[in-house]
């Protein structure tokens, strides 16, 4: 046997809020733009990205744990207002 699997590989990332691994397609990529975090819906914006579940609980955990500071190697806390608005819009029916 060659050891190959029949299922295709699905890229996984870790949520910076809850620290759980999930499929890349289930997470929201966030990048730094100036001194603020912006949601990267398509995953094509340049720069280092951090992944978070599109849920307010995970976003709040990430902010409280200063996970975005570590992920972006920033000494000051980035503004997450735009990401919060995006997550709230996704949660609204």
N, C-alpha and C. Protein backbone atom coordinates (compact mmCIF):
# COMPACT_ATOMS: atom_id res chain seq x y z
N UNK A 1 0.83 -1.18 0.00
CA UNK A 1 0.00 0.00 0.00
C UNK A 1 0.87 1.24 0.00
N UNK A 2 0.43 2.26 -0.66
CA UNK A 2 1.21 3.48 -0.77
C UNK A 2 0.99 4.42 0.41
N UNK A 3 -0.02 4.21 1.21
CA UNK A 3 -0.28 5.07 2.35
C UNK A 3 -1.11 6.30 1.99
N UNK A 4 -1.54 6.39 0.77
CA UNK A 4 -2.34 7.54 0.36
C UNK A 4 -3.79 7.34 0.79
N UNK A 5 -4.42 8.44 1.11
CA UNK A 5 -5.83 8.38 1.48
C UNK A 5 -6.68 8.79 0.29
N UNK A 6 -7.90 8.35 0.31
CA UNK A 6 -8.80 8.68 -0.78
C UNK A 6 -9.42 10.06 -0.63
N UNK A 7 -9.50 10.57 0.61
CA UNK A 7 -10.10 11.88 0.80
C UNK A 7 -9.05 12.97 0.57
N UNK A 8 -9.52 14.08 0.04
CA UNK A 8 -8.59 15.17 -0.21
C UNK A 8 -8.29 15.91 1.09
N UNK A 9 -7.11 16.46 1.18
CA UNK A 9 -6.71 17.18 2.38
C UNK A 9 -7.44 18.51 2.47
N UNK A 10 -7.89 18.83 3.65
CA UNK A 10 -8.56 20.09 3.90
C UNK A 10 -7.67 20.91 4.83
N UNK A 11 -7.26 22.11 4.40
CA UNK A 11 -6.38 22.90 5.25
C UNK A 11 -7.07 23.28 6.56
N UNK A 12 -6.34 23.19 7.65
CA UNK A 12 -6.86 23.54 8.96
C UNK A 12 -6.10 24.73 9.52
N UNK A 13 -6.79 25.53 10.29
CA UNK A 13 -6.18 26.66 10.98
C UNK A 13 -6.68 26.65 12.42
N UNK A 14 -6.00 27.41 13.28
CA UNK A 14 -6.39 27.50 14.68
C UNK A 14 -7.01 28.86 14.95
N UNK A 15 -8.15 28.86 15.60
CA UNK A 15 -8.83 30.09 15.98
C UNK A 15 -8.03 30.75 17.09
N UNK A 16 -7.70 32.04 16.93
CA UNK A 16 -6.92 32.73 17.95
C UNK A 16 -7.75 33.02 19.20
N UNK A 17 -9.06 32.90 19.11
CA UNK A 17 -9.92 33.12 20.27
C UNK A 17 -10.04 31.89 21.15
N UNK A 18 -10.64 30.84 20.62
CA UNK A 18 -10.89 29.64 21.42
C UNK A 18 -9.78 28.60 21.32
N UNK A 19 -8.84 28.81 20.40
CA UNK A 19 -7.67 27.94 20.22
C UNK A 19 -8.05 26.54 19.72
N UNK A 20 -9.19 26.40 19.08
CA UNK A 20 -9.59 25.12 18.51
C UNK A 20 -9.28 25.11 17.02
N UNK A 21 -8.89 23.95 16.53
CA UNK A 21 -8.59 23.79 15.11
C UNK A 21 -9.89 23.58 14.35
N UNK A 22 -9.95 24.18 13.17
CA UNK A 22 -11.13 24.05 12.32
C UNK A 22 -10.69 24.17 10.87
N UNK A 23 -11.56 23.78 9.98
CA UNK A 23 -11.27 23.92 8.55
C UNK A 23 -11.10 25.40 8.22
N UNK A 24 -10.19 25.67 7.34
CA UNK A 24 -9.90 27.05 6.95
C UNK A 24 -11.15 27.77 6.45
N UNK A 25 -12.03 27.05 5.78
CA UNK A 25 -13.24 27.64 5.22
C UNK A 25 -14.25 28.04 6.30
N UNK A 26 -14.13 27.49 7.51
CA UNK A 26 -15.05 27.82 8.60
C UNK A 26 -14.61 29.04 9.39
N UNK A 27 -13.38 29.49 9.19
CA UNK A 27 -12.83 30.58 9.97
C UNK A 27 -12.75 31.86 9.14
N UNK A 28 -12.71 32.98 9.83
CA UNK A 28 -12.58 34.29 9.20
C UNK A 28 -11.13 34.74 9.32
N UNK A 29 -10.53 35.09 8.20
CA UNK A 29 -9.15 35.59 8.21
C UNK A 29 -9.20 37.08 8.51
N UNK A 30 -8.33 37.51 9.41
CA UNK A 30 -8.24 38.91 9.81
C UNK A 30 -6.82 39.37 9.53
N UNK A 31 -6.66 40.56 8.93
CA UNK A 31 -5.33 41.11 8.66
C UNK A 31 -5.25 42.52 9.23
N UNK A 32 -4.02 43.00 9.42
CA UNK A 32 -3.79 44.36 9.90
C UNK A 32 -3.75 45.31 8.71
N UNK A 33 -4.44 46.42 8.85
CA UNK A 33 -4.39 47.49 7.87
C UNK A 33 -4.16 48.77 8.66
N UNK A 34 -2.94 49.25 8.66
CA UNK A 34 -2.59 50.38 9.50
C UNK A 34 -2.55 49.94 10.95
N UNK A 35 -3.40 50.52 11.78
CA UNK A 35 -3.45 50.11 13.19
C UNK A 35 -4.78 49.45 13.54
N UNK A 36 -5.48 48.94 12.53
CA UNK A 36 -6.78 48.31 12.75
C UNK A 36 -6.82 46.93 12.09
N UNK A 37 -7.63 46.06 12.65
CA UNK A 37 -7.87 44.74 12.07
C UNK A 37 -9.03 44.85 11.10
N UNK A 38 -8.88 44.22 9.95
CA UNK A 38 -9.96 44.21 8.97
C UNK A 38 -10.25 42.76 8.56
N UNK A 39 -11.53 42.44 8.33
CA UNK A 39 -11.86 41.09 7.89
C UNK A 39 -11.43 40.89 6.44
N UNK A 40 -10.87 39.74 6.17
CA UNK A 40 -10.43 39.38 4.82
C UNK A 40 -11.36 38.28 4.33
N UNK A 41 -12.46 38.67 3.71
CA UNK A 41 -13.49 37.72 3.30
C UNK A 41 -12.98 36.70 2.29
N UNK A 42 -12.19 37.16 1.34
CA UNK A 42 -11.70 36.27 0.28
C UNK A 42 -10.40 35.57 0.63
N UNK A 43 -9.71 36.07 1.63
CA UNK A 43 -8.43 35.47 2.00
C UNK A 43 -7.30 35.86 1.07
N UNK A 44 -7.41 37.04 0.44
CA UNK A 44 -6.41 37.45 -0.55
C UNK A 44 -5.66 38.71 -0.17
N UNK A 45 -6.02 39.36 0.92
CA UNK A 45 -5.31 40.58 1.30
C UNK A 45 -3.87 40.26 1.69
N UNK A 46 -2.95 41.17 1.40
CA UNK A 46 -1.55 40.90 1.71
C UNK A 46 -1.28 41.01 3.21
N UNK A 47 -0.24 40.32 3.64
CA UNK A 47 0.20 40.42 5.02
C UNK A 47 -0.14 39.19 5.83
N UNK A 48 0.32 39.23 7.06
CA UNK A 48 0.10 38.15 8.01
C UNK A 48 -1.37 38.10 8.37
N UNK A 49 -1.91 36.92 8.44
CA UNK A 49 -3.31 36.77 8.79
C UNK A 49 -3.49 35.99 10.08
N UNK A 50 -4.56 36.28 10.78
CA UNK A 50 -4.96 35.54 11.97
C UNK A 50 -6.37 35.04 11.70
N UNK A 51 -6.68 33.87 12.19
CA UNK A 51 -7.97 33.26 11.93
C UNK A 51 -8.79 33.20 13.21
N UNK A 52 -10.07 33.50 13.07
CA UNK A 52 -11.00 33.48 14.20
C UNK A 52 -12.35 32.96 13.72
N UNK A 53 -13.06 32.25 14.59
CA UNK A 53 -14.42 31.83 14.24
C UNK A 53 -15.28 33.09 14.09
N UNK A 54 -16.19 33.12 13.13
CA UNK A 54 -17.05 34.29 12.97
C UNK A 54 -18.16 34.31 14.01
N UNK A 55 -17.76 34.34 15.28
CA UNK A 55 -18.70 34.37 16.40
C UNK A 55 -18.19 35.39 17.41
N UNK A 56 -19.11 36.11 18.03
CA UNK A 56 -18.72 37.14 18.99
C UNK A 56 -17.97 36.57 20.18
N UNK A 57 -18.31 35.35 20.59
CA UNK A 57 -17.63 34.75 21.74
C UNK A 57 -16.14 34.56 21.45
N UNK A 58 -15.81 34.06 20.28
CA UNK A 58 -14.40 33.86 19.93
C UNK A 58 -13.69 35.19 19.73
N UNK A 59 -14.36 36.15 19.14
CA UNK A 59 -13.76 37.47 18.94
C UNK A 59 -13.47 38.13 20.28
N UNK A 60 -14.41 38.04 21.22
CA UNK A 60 -14.20 38.62 22.55
C UNK A 60 -13.05 37.94 23.28
N UNK A 61 -12.96 36.61 23.15
CA UNK A 61 -11.84 35.89 23.76
C UNK A 61 -10.50 36.34 23.17
N UNK A 62 -10.46 36.51 21.87
CA UNK A 62 -9.23 36.93 21.21
C UNK A 62 -8.80 38.31 21.68
N UNK A 63 -9.76 39.22 21.82
CA UNK A 63 -9.43 40.57 22.28
C UNK A 63 -8.98 40.53 23.74
N UNK A 64 -9.70 39.79 24.57
CA UNK A 64 -9.36 39.72 25.99
C UNK A 64 -7.99 39.08 26.22
N UNK A 65 -7.65 38.07 25.44
CA UNK A 65 -6.36 37.39 25.57
C UNK A 65 -5.23 38.09 24.84
N UNK A 66 -5.55 39.19 24.16
CA UNK A 66 -4.57 39.94 23.35
C UNK A 66 -3.95 39.06 22.27
N UNK A 67 -4.78 38.21 21.70
CA UNK A 67 -4.31 37.27 20.69
C UNK A 67 -3.93 37.98 19.39
N UNK A 68 -4.62 39.06 19.05
CA UNK A 68 -4.29 39.78 17.83
C UNK A 68 -2.94 40.49 17.98
N UNK A 69 -2.63 40.96 19.19
CA UNK A 69 -1.31 41.56 19.43
C UNK A 69 -0.21 40.55 19.12
N UNK A 70 -0.36 39.35 19.63
CA UNK A 70 0.66 38.31 19.42
C UNK A 70 0.70 37.87 17.96
N UNK A 71 -0.46 37.68 17.37
CA UNK A 71 -0.51 37.18 16.00
C UNK A 71 0.13 38.17 15.02
N UNK A 72 -0.09 39.45 15.26
CA UNK A 72 0.45 40.46 14.35
C UNK A 72 1.75 41.07 14.85
N UNK A 73 2.25 40.55 15.98
CA UNK A 73 3.50 41.03 16.58
C UNK A 73 3.46 42.55 16.76
N UNK A 74 2.37 43.01 17.33
CA UNK A 74 2.14 44.43 17.54
C UNK A 74 2.18 44.75 19.03
N UNK A 75 2.93 45.79 19.43
CA UNK A 75 3.00 46.14 20.85
C UNK A 75 1.72 46.80 21.37
N UNK A 76 0.94 47.40 20.47
CA UNK A 76 -0.29 48.07 20.87
C UNK A 76 -1.50 47.27 20.36
N UNK A 77 -2.59 47.31 21.11
CA UNK A 77 -3.79 46.56 20.73
C UNK A 77 -4.42 47.16 19.47
N UNK A 78 -4.62 46.37 18.43
CA UNK A 78 -5.25 46.90 17.22
C UNK A 78 -6.75 47.11 17.42
N UNK A 79 -7.31 48.01 16.65
CA UNK A 79 -8.74 48.31 16.70
C UNK A 79 -9.49 47.18 15.98
N UNK A 80 -10.44 46.56 16.66
CA UNK A 80 -11.18 45.44 16.09
C UNK A 80 -12.63 45.78 15.78
N UNK A 81 -12.96 47.07 15.71
CA UNK A 81 -14.35 47.49 15.50
C UNK A 81 -14.90 46.99 14.16
N UNK A 82 -14.10 47.05 13.11
CA UNK A 82 -14.59 46.63 11.80
C UNK A 82 -14.85 45.12 11.76
N UNK A 83 -14.00 44.35 12.41
CA UNK A 83 -14.20 42.89 12.49
C UNK A 83 -15.47 42.60 13.29
N UNK A 84 -15.66 43.33 14.39
CA UNK A 84 -16.86 43.13 15.21
C UNK A 84 -18.13 43.42 14.40
N UNK A 85 -18.13 44.51 13.63
CA UNK A 85 -19.30 44.83 12.79
C UNK A 85 -19.57 43.71 11.79
N UNK A 86 -18.51 43.19 11.19
CA UNK A 86 -18.68 42.12 10.20
C UNK A 86 -19.28 40.87 10.87
N UNK A 87 -18.77 40.50 12.03
CA UNK A 87 -19.27 39.30 12.72
C UNK A 87 -20.71 39.51 13.15
N UNK A 88 -21.06 40.71 13.63
CA UNK A 88 -22.44 40.97 14.02
C UNK A 88 -23.38 40.89 12.83
N UNK A 89 -22.94 41.37 11.66
CA UNK A 89 -23.77 41.29 10.45
C UNK A 89 -23.97 39.84 10.03
N UNK A 90 -22.94 39.01 10.19
CA UNK A 90 -23.06 37.60 9.83
C UNK A 90 -24.01 36.87 10.77
N UNK A 91 -24.06 37.28 12.03
CA UNK A 91 -24.91 36.62 13.02
C UNK A 91 -26.36 37.05 12.88
N UNK A 92 -26.60 38.23 12.35
CA UNK A 92 -27.98 38.73 12.22
C UNK A 92 -28.72 37.94 11.14
N UNK A 93 -30.01 37.64 11.40
CA UNK A 93 -30.77 36.86 10.40
C UNK A 93 -31.13 37.63 9.18
